[in-house]
C-alpha cells in the first residue's frame, strides 16, 4: 500500500494506492466530507472510462490522475475520488487540482522505482 498525504491551509488530501497483482486501485479522498464521487478505469493500452455520480465533479480529478497513470503504468487501474470542501473558493479548487497532479507524479515515480 502506498499512501501520500498533502496538506495546505485548510486542505488535506489523502491518496492510497493498493496493488492487485499487476493492477492498481487508487483512492483519493479529503476535505470536509470524503465520499465517492467518480471512478475512472483504464490501462496503459486501453481507453479510459469514467463514471460520475450525479452532481459530482470529481471526474476532473480521476481523469487527470488516470491520464498520468496511463502514460506510466502498464497494468489495469481504477482511480476513485471523493473530495468535498464546504464553501470552497476558486483558489482552493485550483489548489486541489494541483495537489492531485503532484500526488499523481509522486505515485508514478514510486511505482517506477518499485518496478526497476
N, C-alpha and C. Protein backbone atom coordinates (compact mmCIF):
# COMPACT_ATOMS: atom_id res chain seq x y z
N UNK A 1 0.86 -1.18 0.00
CA UNK A 1 0.00 0.00 0.00
C UNK A 1 0.89 1.23 0.00
N UNK A 2 0.59 2.14 -0.88
CA UNK A 2 1.27 3.43 -0.95
C UNK A 2 0.29 4.49 -0.45
N UNK A 3 0.76 5.36 0.43
CA UNK A 3 -0.08 6.44 0.93
C UNK A 3 0.66 7.76 0.79
N UNK A 4 -0.02 8.74 0.23
CA UNK A 4 0.54 10.08 0.08
C UNK A 4 -0.49 11.06 0.64
N UNK A 5 -0.04 11.97 1.50
CA UNK A 5 -0.92 12.98 2.10
C UNK A 5 -0.36 14.36 1.75
N UNK A 6 -1.26 15.25 1.37
CA UNK A 6 -0.88 16.63 1.10
C UNK A 6 -1.77 17.54 1.94
N UNK A 7 -1.12 18.50 2.64
CA UNK A 7 -1.85 19.47 3.46
C UNK A 7 -1.41 20.86 3.05
N UNK A 8 -2.36 21.73 2.86
CA UNK A 8 -2.07 23.12 2.54
C UNK A 8 -3.24 23.95 3.04
N UNK A 9 -2.96 24.87 3.95
CA UNK A 9 -4.00 25.69 4.56
C UNK A 9 -5.08 24.78 5.14
N UNK A 10 -6.33 24.94 4.75
CA UNK A 10 -7.38 24.08 5.32
C UNK A 10 -7.62 22.81 4.51
N UNK A 11 -6.83 22.61 3.45
CA UNK A 11 -6.97 21.41 2.62
C UNK A 11 -6.14 20.26 3.17
N UNK A 12 -6.72 19.09 3.20
CA UNK A 12 -5.96 17.88 3.48
C UNK A 12 -6.49 16.79 2.55
N UNK A 13 -5.60 16.32 1.67
CA UNK A 13 -5.96 15.29 0.70
C UNK A 13 -5.13 14.04 0.98
N UNK A 14 -5.75 12.90 0.76
CA UNK A 14 -5.08 11.63 1.01
C UNK A 14 -5.26 10.73 -0.21
N UNK A 15 -4.15 10.14 -0.66
CA UNK A 15 -4.17 9.19 -1.75
C UNK A 15 -3.64 7.86 -1.24
N UNK A 16 -4.39 6.81 -1.49
CA UNK A 16 -3.96 5.46 -1.14
C UNK A 16 -3.99 4.63 -2.41
N UNK A 17 -2.93 3.86 -2.66
CA UNK A 17 -2.86 3.00 -3.83
C UNK A 17 -2.52 1.59 -3.38
N UNK A 18 -3.34 0.65 -3.80
CA UNK A 18 -3.13 -0.75 -3.43
C UNK A 18 -2.92 -1.58 -4.68
N UNK A 19 -1.85 -2.36 -4.67
CA UNK A 19 -1.59 -3.27 -5.77
C UNK A 19 -2.56 -4.44 -5.72
N UNK A 20 -2.94 -4.88 -6.90
CA UNK A 20 -3.82 -6.05 -7.06
C UNK A 20 -3.15 -6.93 -8.12
N UNK A 21 -2.09 -7.64 -7.74
CA UNK A 21 -1.28 -8.34 -8.73
C UNK A 21 -0.56 -7.30 -9.57
N UNK A 22 -0.76 -7.34 -10.90
CA UNK A 22 -0.15 -6.36 -11.79
C UNK A 22 -1.00 -5.11 -11.94
N UNK A 23 -2.13 -5.05 -11.26
CA UNK A 23 -3.08 -3.95 -11.40
C UNK A 23 -3.03 -3.05 -10.17
N UNK A 24 -3.77 -1.94 -10.22
CA UNK A 24 -3.68 -0.93 -9.18
C UNK A 24 -5.04 -0.29 -8.92
N UNK A 25 -5.36 -0.11 -7.65
CA UNK A 25 -6.57 0.60 -7.24
C UNK A 25 -6.14 1.82 -6.43
N UNK A 26 -6.56 3.01 -6.88
CA UNK A 26 -6.18 4.27 -6.25
C UNK A 26 -7.42 4.94 -5.67
N UNK A 27 -7.31 5.43 -4.43
CA UNK A 27 -8.40 6.17 -3.80
C UNK A 27 -7.89 7.54 -3.39
N UNK A 28 -8.61 8.58 -3.79
CA UNK A 28 -8.30 9.96 -3.41
C UNK A 28 -9.46 10.50 -2.60
N UNK A 29 -9.18 10.96 -1.39
CA UNK A 29 -10.23 11.49 -0.53
C UNK A 29 -9.74 12.75 0.16
N UNK A 30 -10.67 13.46 0.76
CA UNK A 30 -10.25 14.61 1.54
C UNK A 30 -11.35 15.64 1.69
N UNK A 31 -10.95 16.74 2.30
CA UNK A 31 -11.89 17.81 2.54
C UNK A 31 -12.72 17.57 3.77
N UNK A 32 -13.89 18.21 3.80
CA UNK A 32 -14.78 18.13 4.95
C UNK A 32 -15.59 16.84 4.99
N UNK A 33 -15.81 16.23 3.82
CA UNK A 33 -16.66 15.05 3.76
C UNK A 33 -16.18 14.10 2.65
N UNK A 34 -15.21 13.22 2.96
CA UNK A 34 -14.78 12.25 1.96
C UNK A 34 -15.96 11.37 1.53
N UNK A 35 -15.97 10.99 0.27
CA UNK A 35 -17.06 10.19 -0.28
C UNK A 35 -16.59 9.62 -1.62
N UNK A 36 -17.48 9.02 -2.37
CA UNK A 36 -17.17 8.52 -3.71
C UNK A 36 -17.97 9.32 -4.72
N UNK A 37 -17.28 10.13 -5.52
CA UNK A 37 -17.94 10.98 -6.49
C UNK A 37 -17.76 10.54 -7.92
N UNK A 38 -16.59 9.92 -8.22
CA UNK A 38 -16.31 9.48 -9.58
C UNK A 38 -15.27 8.37 -9.57
N UNK A 39 -15.31 7.56 -10.62
CA UNK A 39 -14.35 6.48 -10.81
C UNK A 39 -13.93 6.49 -12.28
N UNK A 40 -12.63 6.41 -12.51
CA UNK A 40 -12.11 6.23 -13.87
C UNK A 40 -11.28 4.97 -13.88
N UNK A 41 -11.51 4.13 -14.89
CA UNK A 41 -10.74 2.89 -15.05
C UNK A 41 -10.01 2.95 -16.39
N UNK A 42 -8.90 2.24 -16.45
CA UNK A 42 -8.14 2.22 -17.69
C UNK A 42 -6.96 1.29 -17.60
N UNK A 43 -6.13 1.37 -18.62
CA UNK A 43 -4.89 0.60 -18.67
C UNK A 43 -3.92 1.35 -19.57
N UNK A 44 -2.69 0.88 -19.61
CA UNK A 44 -1.70 1.50 -20.46
C UNK A 44 -2.02 1.39 -21.94
N UNK A 45 -2.88 0.44 -22.30
CA UNK A 45 -3.17 0.22 -23.72
C UNK A 45 -4.62 0.51 -24.11
N UNK A 46 -5.51 0.66 -23.15
CA UNK A 46 -6.93 0.85 -23.48
C UNK A 46 -7.40 2.26 -23.24
N UNK A 47 -8.64 2.51 -23.62
CA UNK A 47 -9.26 3.81 -23.38
C UNK A 47 -9.63 3.96 -21.91
N UNK A 48 -9.73 5.20 -21.47
CA UNK A 48 -10.21 5.49 -20.12
C UNK A 48 -11.73 5.52 -20.14
N UNK A 49 -12.34 5.00 -19.07
CA UNK A 49 -13.79 5.04 -18.93
C UNK A 49 -14.10 5.62 -17.56
N UNK A 50 -15.03 6.58 -17.52
CA UNK A 50 -15.34 7.28 -16.28
C UNK A 50 -16.81 7.17 -15.96
N UNK A 51 -17.10 6.95 -14.68
CA UNK A 51 -18.45 7.01 -14.16
C UNK A 51 -18.46 8.12 -13.10
N UNK A 52 -19.38 9.06 -13.25
CA UNK A 52 -19.51 10.16 -12.29
C UNK A 52 -20.90 10.11 -11.68
N UNK A 53 -20.98 10.12 -10.35
CA UNK A 53 -22.27 10.16 -9.67
C UNK A 53 -22.91 11.53 -9.87
N UNK A 54 -24.24 11.56 -9.82
CA UNK A 54 -24.99 12.80 -10.03
C UNK A 54 -24.46 13.93 -9.15
N UNK A 55 -24.37 15.10 -9.73
CA UNK A 55 -23.98 16.34 -9.07
C UNK A 55 -22.55 16.33 -8.52
N UNK A 56 -21.72 15.46 -9.02
CA UNK A 56 -20.32 15.42 -8.60
C UNK A 56 -19.43 15.85 -9.75
N UNK A 57 -18.25 16.34 -9.40
CA UNK A 57 -17.31 16.81 -10.42
C UNK A 57 -15.93 16.19 -10.26
N UNK A 58 -15.83 15.15 -9.44
CA UNK A 58 -14.53 14.54 -9.20
C UNK A 58 -13.95 13.85 -10.43
N UNK A 59 -14.75 13.71 -11.49
CA UNK A 59 -14.23 13.14 -12.73
C UNK A 59 -13.05 13.97 -13.26
N UNK A 60 -13.03 15.25 -12.94
CA UNK A 60 -11.90 16.09 -13.34
C UNK A 60 -10.61 15.52 -12.74
N UNK A 61 -10.68 15.13 -11.47
CA UNK A 61 -9.52 14.58 -10.77
C UNK A 61 -9.21 13.17 -11.24
N UNK A 62 -10.24 12.31 -11.32
CA UNK A 62 -9.97 10.91 -11.71
C UNK A 62 -9.41 10.82 -13.12
N UNK A 63 -9.88 11.68 -14.01
CA UNK A 63 -9.37 11.65 -15.39
C UNK A 63 -7.96 12.23 -15.46
N UNK A 64 -7.68 13.28 -14.70
CA UNK A 64 -6.33 13.83 -14.63
C UNK A 64 -5.36 12.76 -14.13
N UNK A 65 -5.71 12.13 -13.03
CA UNK A 65 -4.87 11.11 -12.41
C UNK A 65 -4.69 9.92 -13.36
N UNK A 66 -5.79 9.49 -13.99
CA UNK A 66 -5.74 8.33 -14.88
C UNK A 66 -4.93 8.61 -16.14
N UNK A 67 -5.02 9.81 -16.65
CA UNK A 67 -4.22 10.17 -17.83
C UNK A 67 -2.73 10.06 -17.52
N UNK A 68 -2.36 10.46 -16.32
CA UNK A 68 -0.94 10.35 -15.90
C UNK A 68 -0.55 8.89 -15.74
N UNK A 69 -1.39 8.08 -15.09
CA UNK A 69 -1.09 6.66 -14.92
C UNK A 69 -0.99 5.95 -16.27
N UNK A 70 -1.86 6.29 -17.18
CA UNK A 70 -1.89 5.64 -18.50
C UNK A 70 -0.54 5.76 -19.21
N UNK A 71 0.15 6.86 -19.01
CA UNK A 71 1.45 7.08 -19.66
C UNK A 71 2.57 6.28 -19.00
N UNK A 72 2.39 5.90 -17.73
CA UNK A 72 3.49 5.30 -16.96
C UNK A 72 3.25 3.87 -16.49
N UNK A 73 2.01 3.44 -16.44
CA UNK A 73 1.68 2.17 -15.79
C UNK A 73 1.13 1.19 -16.81
N UNK A 74 1.69 -0.01 -16.84
CA UNK A 74 1.31 -0.99 -17.86
C UNK A 74 0.04 -1.77 -17.51
N UNK A 75 -0.26 -1.91 -16.24
CA UNK A 75 -1.40 -2.73 -15.82
C UNK A 75 -2.72 -1.99 -15.89
N UNK A 76 -3.77 -2.69 -15.50
CA UNK A 76 -5.09 -2.07 -15.38
C UNK A 76 -5.11 -1.24 -14.09
N UNK A 77 -5.96 -0.21 -14.06
CA UNK A 77 -6.07 0.59 -12.85
C UNK A 77 -7.47 1.17 -12.72
N UNK A 78 -7.82 1.48 -11.48
CA UNK A 78 -9.06 2.18 -11.16
C UNK A 78 -8.69 3.34 -10.23
N UNK A 79 -9.23 4.51 -10.53
CA UNK A 79 -8.99 5.70 -9.70
C UNK A 79 -10.35 6.17 -9.19
N UNK A 80 -10.53 6.11 -7.86
CA UNK A 80 -11.77 6.53 -7.21
C UNK A 80 -11.50 7.83 -6.46
N UNK A 81 -12.45 8.76 -6.51
CA UNK A 81 -12.22 10.05 -5.86
C UNK A 81 -13.51 10.61 -5.28
N UNK A 82 -13.37 11.21 -4.11
CA UNK A 82 -14.45 11.95 -3.49
C UNK A 82 -13.87 12.98 -2.55
N UNK A 83 -13.86 14.22 -2.96
CA UNK A 83 -13.31 15.31 -2.16
C UNK A 83 -14.40 16.38 -2.07
N UNK A 84 -14.77 16.73 -0.84
CA UNK A 84 -15.77 17.78 -0.67
C UNK A 84 -15.26 18.78 0.35
N UNK A 85 -15.30 20.05 -0.03
CA UNK A 85 -14.94 21.12 0.91
C UNK A 85 -16.08 22.11 0.96
N UNK A 86 -16.55 22.38 2.15
CA UNK A 86 -17.60 23.39 2.32
C UNK A 86 -17.07 24.75 1.88
N UNK A 87 -17.88 25.47 1.13
CA UNK A 87 -17.56 26.84 0.72
C UNK A 87 -16.18 26.96 0.06
N UNK A 88 -15.88 26.05 -0.84
CA UNK A 88 -14.56 26.07 -1.50
C UNK A 88 -14.46 27.30 -2.41
N UNK A 89 -13.31 27.93 -2.35
CA UNK A 89 -13.06 29.08 -3.22
C UNK A 89 -12.43 28.60 -4.53
N UNK A 90 -12.40 29.47 -5.52
CA UNK A 90 -11.76 29.12 -6.80
C UNK A 90 -10.28 28.82 -6.59
N UNK A 91 -9.62 29.58 -5.73
CA UNK A 91 -8.20 29.35 -5.44
C UNK A 91 -7.99 27.98 -4.80
N UNK A 92 -8.88 27.62 -3.87
CA UNK A 92 -8.77 26.31 -3.22
C UNK A 92 -9.04 25.19 -4.22
N UNK A 93 -9.99 25.38 -5.11
CA UNK A 93 -10.27 24.38 -6.14
C UNK A 93 -9.05 24.17 -7.02
N UNK A 94 -8.42 25.24 -7.43
CA UNK A 94 -7.19 25.13 -8.23
C UNK A 94 -6.08 24.45 -7.45
N UNK A 95 -6.01 24.70 -6.14
CA UNK A 95 -5.01 24.05 -5.30
C UNK A 95 -5.28 22.56 -5.19
N UNK A 96 -6.55 22.15 -5.05
CA UNK A 96 -6.90 20.73 -5.02
C UNK A 96 -6.39 20.04 -6.29
N UNK A 97 -6.64 20.65 -7.43
CA UNK A 97 -6.20 20.06 -8.70
C UNK A 97 -4.68 19.97 -8.76
N UNK A 98 -3.99 21.01 -8.32
CA UNK A 98 -2.52 20.99 -8.33
C UNK A 98 -1.97 19.93 -7.38
N UNK A 99 -2.54 19.83 -6.18
CA UNK A 99 -2.07 18.82 -5.22
C UNK A 99 -2.31 17.41 -5.76
N UNK A 100 -3.44 17.19 -6.41
CA UNK A 100 -3.71 15.88 -7.01
C UNK A 100 -2.73 15.59 -8.14
N UNK A 101 -2.43 16.60 -8.94
CA UNK A 101 -1.44 16.43 -10.01
C UNK A 101 -0.09 16.05 -9.42
N UNK A 102 0.30 16.71 -8.33
CA UNK A 102 1.57 16.40 -7.66
C UNK A 102 1.56 14.98 -7.11
N UNK A 103 0.45 14.55 -6.53
CA UNK A 103 0.37 13.19 -5.98
C UNK A 103 0.45 12.16 -7.10
N UNK A 104 -0.15 12.45 -8.25
CA UNK A 104 -0.06 11.53 -9.40
C UNK A 104 1.39 11.38 -9.85
N UNK A 105 2.11 12.48 -9.91
CA UNK A 105 3.53 12.44 -10.28
C UNK A 105 4.33 11.60 -9.28
N UNK A 106 4.08 11.84 -7.99
CA UNK A 106 4.81 11.10 -6.96
C UNK A 106 4.48 9.62 -7.01
N UNK A 107 3.21 9.28 -7.21
CA UNK A 107 2.82 7.88 -7.31
C UNK A 107 3.52 7.21 -8.49
N UNK A 108 3.53 7.85 -9.64
CA UNK A 108 4.19 7.26 -10.82
C UNK A 108 5.68 7.05 -10.55
N UNK A 109 6.33 7.99 -9.88
CA UNK A 109 7.75 7.84 -9.56
C UNK A 109 7.97 6.67 -8.60
N UNK A 110 7.11 6.54 -7.60
CA UNK A 110 7.23 5.42 -6.66
C UNK A 110 7.01 4.08 -7.36
N UNK A 111 6.03 4.02 -8.23
CA UNK A 111 5.76 2.77 -8.96
C UNK A 111 6.92 2.41 -9.88
N UNK A 112 7.50 3.42 -10.51
CA UNK A 112 8.65 3.19 -11.39
C UNK A 112 9.85 2.66 -10.60
N UNK A 113 10.09 3.24 -9.42
CA UNK A 113 11.20 2.79 -8.58
C UNK A 113 11.00 1.37 -8.09
N UNK A 114 9.77 1.00 -7.78
CA UNK A 114 9.47 -0.36 -7.31
C UNK A 114 9.66 -1.38 -8.42
N UNK A 115 9.32 -0.98 -9.65
CA UNK A 115 9.43 -1.89 -10.80
C UNK A 115 10.88 -2.05 -11.24
N UNK A 116 11.68 -1.01 -11.05
CA UNK A 116 13.06 -1.01 -11.54
C UNK A 116 13.99 -1.51 -10.54
